[in-house]
Amino acid sequence: MKNSIKVERAIHSLTQEDLAKKIGVSRQTINAMEANKYVPSTVLALKIARVFGKPVEDIFSLDGED
């Protein structure tokens, strides 16, 4: 699964730590998601989408291997 978390963070001027606090996870979790090493739960993906004010499909997408 691909995501645009890093891009959205930049648009909203949020650090990994800022985003982590808003959704209740560690900064390391945000880092792992941005590096495509961790796939978030549905609830976590929805929380991230809410922070950015976008549908979850605008932030997360399946790649050819999914």
PDB file of N, CA and C in Angstrom:
ATOM      1  N   MET A   1       0.841  -1.179   0.000  1.00  0.00           N
ATOM      2  CA  MET A   1       0.000   0.000   0.000  1.00  0.00           C
ATOM      3  C   MET A   1       0.883   1.238   0.000  1.00  0.00           C
ATOM      4  N   LYS A   2       0.529   2.176  -0.849  1.00  0.00           N
ATOM      5  CA  LYS A   2       1.243   3.447  -0.914  1.00  0.00           C
ATOM      6  C   LYS A   2       0.456   4.489  -0.134  1.00  0.00           C
ATOM      7  N   ASN A   3       1.150   5.545   0.283  1.00  0.00           N
ATOM      8  CA  ASN A   3       0.458   6.632   0.962  1.00  0.00           C
ATOM      9  C   ASN A   3       1.151   7.960   0.681  1.00  0.00           C
ATOM     10  N   SER A   4       0.410   9.027   0.935  1.00  0.00           N
ATOM     11  CA  SER A   4       0.941  10.379   0.724  1.00  0.00           C
ATOM     12  C   SER A   4       1.015  11.135   2.044  1.00  0.00           C
ATOM     13  N   ILE A   5       1.269  10.411   3.132  1.00  0.00           N
ATOM     14  CA  ILE A   5       1.311  11.046   4.451  1.00  0.00           C
ATOM     15  C   ILE A   5       2.377  12.136   4.510  1.00  0.00           C
ATOM     16  N   LYS A   6       3.551  11.848   4.000  1.00  0.00           N
ATOM     17  CA  LYS A   6       4.643  12.822   4.066  1.00  0.00           C
ATOM     18  C   LYS A   6       4.283  14.105   3.313  1.00  0.00           C
ATOM     19  N   VAL A   7       3.683  13.951   2.147  1.00  0.00           N
ATOM     20  CA  VAL A   7       3.268  15.113   1.352  1.00  0.00           C
ATOM     21  C   VAL A   7       2.193  15.909   2.085  1.00  0.00           C
ATOM     22  N   GLU A   8       1.209  15.192   2.620  1.00  0.00           N
ATOM     23  CA  GLU A   8       0.132  15.872   3.355  1.00  0.00           C
ATOM     24  C   GLU A   8       0.664  16.580   4.598  1.00  0.00           C
ATOM     25  N   ARG A   9       1.616  15.969   5.279  1.00  0.00           N
ATOM     26  CA  ARG A   9       2.218  16.627   6.449  1.00  0.00           C
ATOM     27  C   ARG A   9       2.875  17.931   6.047  1.00  0.00           C
ATOM     28  N   ALA A  10       3.588  17.909   4.922  1.00  0.00           N
ATOM     29  CA  ALA A  10       4.273  19.117   4.443  1.00  0.00           C
ATOM     30  C   ALA A  10       3.259  20.211   4.096  1.00  0.00           C
ATOM     31  N   ILE A  11       2.175  19.832   3.435  1.00  0.00           N
ATOM     32  CA  ILE A  11       1.135  20.801   3.070  1.00  0.00           C
ATOM     33  C   ILE A  11       0.536  21.442   4.318  1.00  0.00           C
ATOM     34  N   HIS A  12       0.358  20.643   5.372  1.00  0.00           N
ATOM     35  CA  HIS A  12      -0.256  21.131   6.608  1.00  0.00           C
ATOM     36  C   HIS A  12       0.763  21.594   7.653  1.00  0.00           C
ATOM     37  N   SER A  13       2.030  21.649   7.275  1.00  0.00           N
ATOM     38  CA  SER A  13       3.112  22.090   8.165  1.00  0.00           C
ATOM     39  C   SER A  13       3.126  21.320   9.482  1.00  0.00           C
ATOM     40  N   LEU A  14       3.014  19.992   9.387  1.00  0.00           N
ATOM     41  CA  LEU A  14       3.050  19.133  10.572  1.00  0.00           C
ATOM     42  C   LEU A  14       4.318  18.297  10.572  1.00  0.00           C
ATOM     43  N   THR A  15       4.915  18.143  11.736  1.00  0.00           N
ATOM     44  CA  THR A  15       6.025  17.207  11.876  1.00  0.00           C
ATOM     45  C   THR A  15       5.449  15.815  12.110  1.00  0.00           C
ATOM     46  N   GLN A  16       6.305  14.817  12.054  1.00  0.00           N
ATOM     47  CA  GLN A  16       5.862  13.454  12.382  1.00  0.00           C
ATOM     48  C   GLN A  16       5.319  13.428  13.805  1.00  0.00           C
ATOM     49  N   GLU A  17       5.982  14.116  14.694  1.00  0.00           N
ATOM     50  CA  GLU A  17       5.555  14.165  16.098  1.00  0.00           C
ATOM     51  C   GLU A  17       4.183  14.834  16.234  1.00  0.00           C
ATOM     52  N   ASP A  18       3.964  15.923  15.508  1.00  0.00           N
ATOM     53  CA  ASP A  18       2.670  16.614  15.545  1.00  0.00           C
ATOM     54  C   ASP A  18       1.542  15.678  15.121  1.00  0.00           C
ATOM     55  N   LEU A  19       1.742  15.001  14.003  1.00  0.00           N
ATOM     56  CA  LEU A  19       0.717  14.089  13.496  1.00  0.00           C
ATOM     57  C   LEU A  19       0.499  12.934  14.462  1.00  0.00           C
ATOM     58  N   ALA A  20       1.584  12.407  14.992  1.00  0.00           N
ATOM     59  CA  ALA A  20       1.482  11.295  15.938  1.00  0.00           C
ATOM     60  C   ALA A  20       0.625  11.675  17.148  1.00  0.00           C
ATOM     61  N   LYS A  21       0.843  12.863  17.677  1.00  0.00           N
ATOM     62  CA  LYS A  21       0.066  13.314  18.835  1.00  0.00           C
ATOM     63  C   LYS A  21      -1.415  13.475  18.491  1.00  0.00           C
ATOM     64  N   LYS A  22      -1.695  13.976  17.291  1.00  0.00           N
ATOM     65  CA  LYS A  22      -3.087  14.200  16.890  1.00  0.00           C
ATOM     66  C   LYS A  22      -3.874  12.899  16.766  1.00  0.00           C
ATOM     67  N   ILE A  23      -3.188  11.804  16.404  1.00  0.00           N
ATOM     68  CA  ILE A  23      -3.910  10.547  16.186  1.00  0.00           C
ATOM     69  C   ILE A  23      -3.609   9.493  17.256  1.00  0.00           C
ATOM     70  N   GLY A  24      -2.749   9.823  18.210  1.00  0.00           N
ATOM     71  CA  GLY A  24      -2.519   8.937  19.346  1.00  0.00           C
ATOM     72  C   GLY A  24      -1.594   7.766  19.101  1.00  0.00           C
ATOM     73  N   VAL A  25      -0.551   8.003  18.301  1.00  0.00           N
ATOM     74  CA  VAL A  25       0.467   6.963  18.074  1.00  0.00           C
ATOM     75  C   VAL A  25       1.850   7.565  18.308  1.00  0.00           C
ATOM     76  N   SER A  26       2.876   6.751  18.180  1.00  0.00           N
ATOM     77  CA  SER A  26       4.243   7.250  18.342  1.00  0.00           C
ATOM     78  C   SER A  26       4.761   7.850  17.026  1.00  0.00           C
ATOM     79  N   ARG A  27       5.770   8.684  17.148  1.00  0.00           N
ATOM     80  CA  ARG A  27       6.409   9.243  15.956  1.00  0.00           C
ATOM     81  C   ARG A  27       6.978   8.131  15.099  1.00  0.00           C
ATOM     82  N   GLN A  28       7.485   7.066  15.740  1.00  0.00           N
ATOM     83  CA  GLN A  28       8.055   5.937  15.006  1.00  0.00           C
ATOM     84  C   GLN A  28       7.008   5.257  14.124  1.00  0.00           C
ATOM     85  N   THR A  29       5.757   5.241  14.583  1.00  0.00           N
ATOM     86  CA  THR A  29       4.684   4.647  13.777  1.00  0.00           C
ATOM     87  C   THR A  29       4.465   5.469  12.511  1.00  0.00           C
ATOM     88  N   ILE A  30       4.471   6.783  12.644  1.00  0.00           N
ATOM     89  CA  ILE A  30       4.321   7.657  11.470  1.00  0.00           C
ATOM     90  C   ILE A  30       5.486   7.423  10.523  1.00  0.00           C
ATOM     91  N   ASN A  31       6.682   7.355  11.068  1.00  0.00           N
ATOM     92  CA  ASN A  31       7.872   7.114  10.253  1.00  0.00           C
ATOM     93  C   ASN A  31       7.753   5.794   9.497  1.00  0.00           C
ATOM     94  N   ALA A  32       7.310   4.747  10.167  1.00  0.00           N
ATOM     95  CA  ALA A  32       7.177   3.429   9.536  1.00  0.00           C
ATOM     96  C   ALA A  32       6.116   3.450   8.433  1.00  0.00           C
ATOM     97  N   MET A  33       5.026   4.172   8.653  1.00  0.00           N
ATOM     98  CA  MET A  33       3.997   4.276   7.614  1.00  0.00           C
ATOM     99  C   MET A  33       4.535   5.013   6.393  1.00  0.00           C
ATOM    100  N   GLU A  34       5.248   6.109   6.624  1.00  0.00           N
ATOM    101  CA  GLU A  34       5.805   6.875   5.504  1.00  0.00           C
ATOM    102  C   GLU A  34       6.819   6.062   4.714  1.00  0.00           C
ATOM    103  N   ALA A  35       7.518   5.158   5.380  1.00  0.00           N
ATOM    104  CA  ALA A  35       8.522   4.306   4.727  1.00  0.00           C
ATOM    105  C   ALA A  35       7.895   3.041   4.147  1.00  0.00           C
ATOM    106  N   ASN A  36       6.565   2.951   4.212  1.00  0.00           N
ATOM    107  CA  ASN A  36       5.840   1.773   3.725  1.00  0.00           C
ATOM    108  C   ASN A  36       6.275   0.483   4.408  1.00  0.00           C
ATOM    109  N   LYS A  37       6.652   0.588   5.684  1.00  0.00           N
ATOM    110  CA  LYS A  37       7.029  -0.582   6.474  1.00  0.00           C
ATOM    111  C   LYS A  37       5.904  -1.009   7.406  1.00  0.00           C
ATOM    112  N   TYR A  38       4.848  -0.186   7.492  1.00  0.00           N
ATOM    113  CA  TYR A  38       3.723  -0.473   8.384  1.00  0.00           C
ATOM    114  C   TYR A  38       2.436  -0.042   7.701  1.00  0.00           C
ATOM    115  N   VAL A  39       1.476  -0.965   7.651  1.00  0.00           N
ATOM    116  CA  VAL A  39       0.162  -0.657   7.083  1.00  0.00           C
ATOM    117  C   VAL A  39      -0.780  -0.370   8.251  1.00  0.00           C
ATOM    118  N   PRO A  40      -1.366   0.814   8.281  1.00  0.00           N
ATOM    119  CA  PRO A  40      -2.223   1.178   9.415  1.00  0.00           C
ATOM    120  C   PRO A  40      -3.543   0.418   9.419  1.00  0.00           C
ATOM    121  N   SER A  41      -4.124   0.323  10.582  1.00  0.00           N
ATOM    122  CA  SER A  41      -5.470  -0.243  10.705  1.00  0.00           C
ATOM    123  C   SER A  41      -6.455   0.705  10.026  1.00  0.00           C
ATOM    124  N   THR A  42      -7.645   0.221   9.807  1.00  0.00           N
ATOM    125  CA  THR A  42      -8.691   1.059   9.216  1.00  0.00           C
ATOM    126  C   THR A  42      -8.961   2.282  10.081  1.00  0.00           C
ATOM    127  N   VAL A  43      -9.047   2.075  11.388  1.00  0.00           N
ATOM    128  CA  VAL A  43      -9.309   3.188  12.308  1.00  0.00           C
ATOM    129  C   VAL A  43      -8.195   4.229  12.221  1.00  0.00           C
ATOM    130  N   LEU A  44      -6.964   3.775  12.213  1.00  0.00           N
ATOM    131  CA  LEU A  44      -5.830   4.698  12.141  1.00  0.00           C
ATOM    132  C   LEU A  44      -5.818   5.446  10.809  1.00  0.00           C
ATOM    133  N   ALA A  45      -6.091   4.751   9.727  1.00  0.00           N
ATOM    134  CA  ALA A  45      -6.141   5.397   8.413  1.00  0.00           C
ATOM    135  C   ALA A  45      -7.231   6.468   8.380  1.00  0.00           C
ATOM    136  N   LEU A  46      -8.377   6.169   8.981  1.00  0.00           N
ATOM    137  CA  LEU A  46      -9.472   7.144   9.021  1.00  0.00           C
ATOM    138  C   LEU A  46      -9.113   8.356   9.883  1.00  0.00           C
ATOM    139  N   LYS A  47      -8.401   8.136  10.975  1.00  0.00           N
ATOM    140  CA  LYS A  47      -7.957   9.253  11.820  1.00  0.00           C
ATOM    141  C   LYS A  47      -7.003  10.163  11.047  1.00  0.00           C
ATOM    142  N   ILE A  48      -6.091   9.556  10.306  1.00  0.00           N
ATOM    143  CA  ILE A  48      -5.140  10.341   9.505  1.00  0.00           C
ATOM    144  C   ILE A  48      -5.894  11.147   8.456  1.00  0.00           C
ATOM    145  N   ALA A  49      -6.836  10.513   7.780  1.00  0.00           N
ATOM    146  CA  ALA A  49      -7.626  11.206   6.759  1.00  0.00           C
ATOM    147  C   ALA A  49      -8.385  12.378   7.369  1.00  0.00           C
ATOM    148  N   ARG A  50      -8.919  12.206   8.558  1.00  0.00           N
ATOM    149  CA  ARG A  50      -9.662  13.277   9.233  1.00  0.00           C
ATOM    150  C   ARG A  50      -8.748  14.467   9.525  1.00  0.00           C
ATOM    151  N   VAL A  51      -7.526  14.200   9.997  1.00  0.00           N
ATOM    152  CA  VAL A  51      -6.580  15.284  10.285  1.00  0.00           C
ATOM    153  C   VAL A  51      -6.323  16.115   9.031  1.00  0.00           C
ATOM    154  N   PHE A  52      -6.199  15.438   7.884  1.00  0.00           N
ATOM    155  CA  PHE A  52      -5.891  16.137   6.637  1.00  0.00           C
ATOM    156  C   PHE A  52      -7.140  16.630   5.907  1.00  0.00           C
ATOM    157  N   GLY A  53      -8.318  16.270   6.415  1.00  0.00           N
ATOM    158  CA  GLY A  53      -9.559  16.726   5.799  1.00  0.00           C
ATOM    159  C   GLY A  53      -9.794  16.170   4.414  1.00  0.00           C
ATOM    160  N   LYS A  54      -9.381  14.923   4.209  1.00  0.00           N
ATOM    161  CA  LYS A  54      -9.517  14.289   2.902  1.00  0.00           C
ATOM    162  C   LYS A  54     -10.088  12.890   3.056  1.00  0.00           C
ATOM    163  N   PRO A  55     -10.679  12.354   1.979  1.00  0.00           N
ATOM    164  CA  PRO A  55     -11.113  10.949   2.027  1.00  0.00           C
ATOM    165  C   PRO A  55      -9.891  10.036   2.150  1.00  0.00           C
ATOM    166  N   VAL A  56     -10.054   8.928   2.821  1.00  0.00           N
ATOM    167  CA  VAL A  56      -8.935   8.010   3.043  1.00  0.00           C
ATOM    168  C   VAL A  56      -8.311   7.560   1.717  1.00  0.00           C
ATOM    169  N   GLU A  57      -9.130   7.460   0.677  1.00  0.00           N
ATOM    170  CA  GLU A  57      -8.618   7.031  -0.635  1.00  0.00           C
ATOM    171  C   GLU A  57      -7.669   8.051  -1.258  1.00  0.00           C
ATOM    172  N   ASP A  58      -7.736   9.294  -0.808  1.00  0.00           N
ATOM    173  CA  ASP A  58      -6.817  10.314  -1.321  1.00  0.00           C
ATOM    174  C   ASP A  58      -5.447  10.218  -0.663  1.00  0.00           C
ATOM    175  N   ILE A  59      -5.357   9.505   0.444  1.00  0.00           N
ATOM    176  CA  ILE A  59      -4.094   9.391   1.172  1.00  0.00           C
ATOM    177  C   ILE A  59      -3.472   8.014   1.004  1.00  0.00           C
ATOM    178  N   PHE A  60      -4.312   6.992   0.979  1.00  0.00           N
ATOM    179  CA  PHE A  60      -3.832   5.611   0.861  1.00  0.00           C
ATOM    180  C   PHE A  60      -4.328   4.991  -0.436  1.00  0.00           C
ATOM    181  N   SER A  61      -3.443   4.229  -1.092  1.00  0.00           N
ATOM    182  CA  SER A  61      -3.852   3.532  -2.312  1.00  0.00           C
ATOM    183  C   SER A  61      -3.102   2.213  -2.410  1.00  0.00           C
ATOM    184  N   LEU A  62      -3.736   1.258  -3.071  1.00  0.00           N
ATOM    185  CA  LEU A  62      -3.103  -0.037  -3.284  1.00  0.00           C
ATOM    186  C   LEU A  62      -2.117   0.079  -4.433  1.00  0.00           C
ATOM    187  N   ASP A  63      -0.984  -0.618  -4.295  1.00  0.00           N
ATOM    188  CA  ASP A  63      -0.063  -0.669  -5.414  1.00  0.00           C
ATOM    189  C   ASP A  63      -0.224  -2.009  -6.114  1.00  0.00           C
ATOM    190  N   GLY A  64       0.556  -2.274  -7.120  1.00  0.00           N
ATOM    191  CA  GLY A  64       0.404  -3.478  -7.921  1.00  0.00           C
ATOM    192  C   GLY A  64       0.562  -4.784  -7.156  1.00  0.00           C
ATOM    193  N   GLU A  65       1.261  -4.764  -6.041  1.00  0.00           N
ATOM    194  CA  GLU A  65       1.520  -5.971  -5.281  1.00  0.00           C
ATOM    195  C   GLU A  65       0.412  -6.297  -4.287  1.00  0.00           C
ATOM    196  N   ASP A  66      -0.502  -5.367  -4.024  1.00  0.00           N
ATOM    197  CA  ASP A  66      -1.566  -5.562  -3.033  1.00  0.00           C
ATOM    198  C   ASP A  66      -2.761  -6.293  -3.621  1.00  0.00           C
TER     199      ASP A  66
END
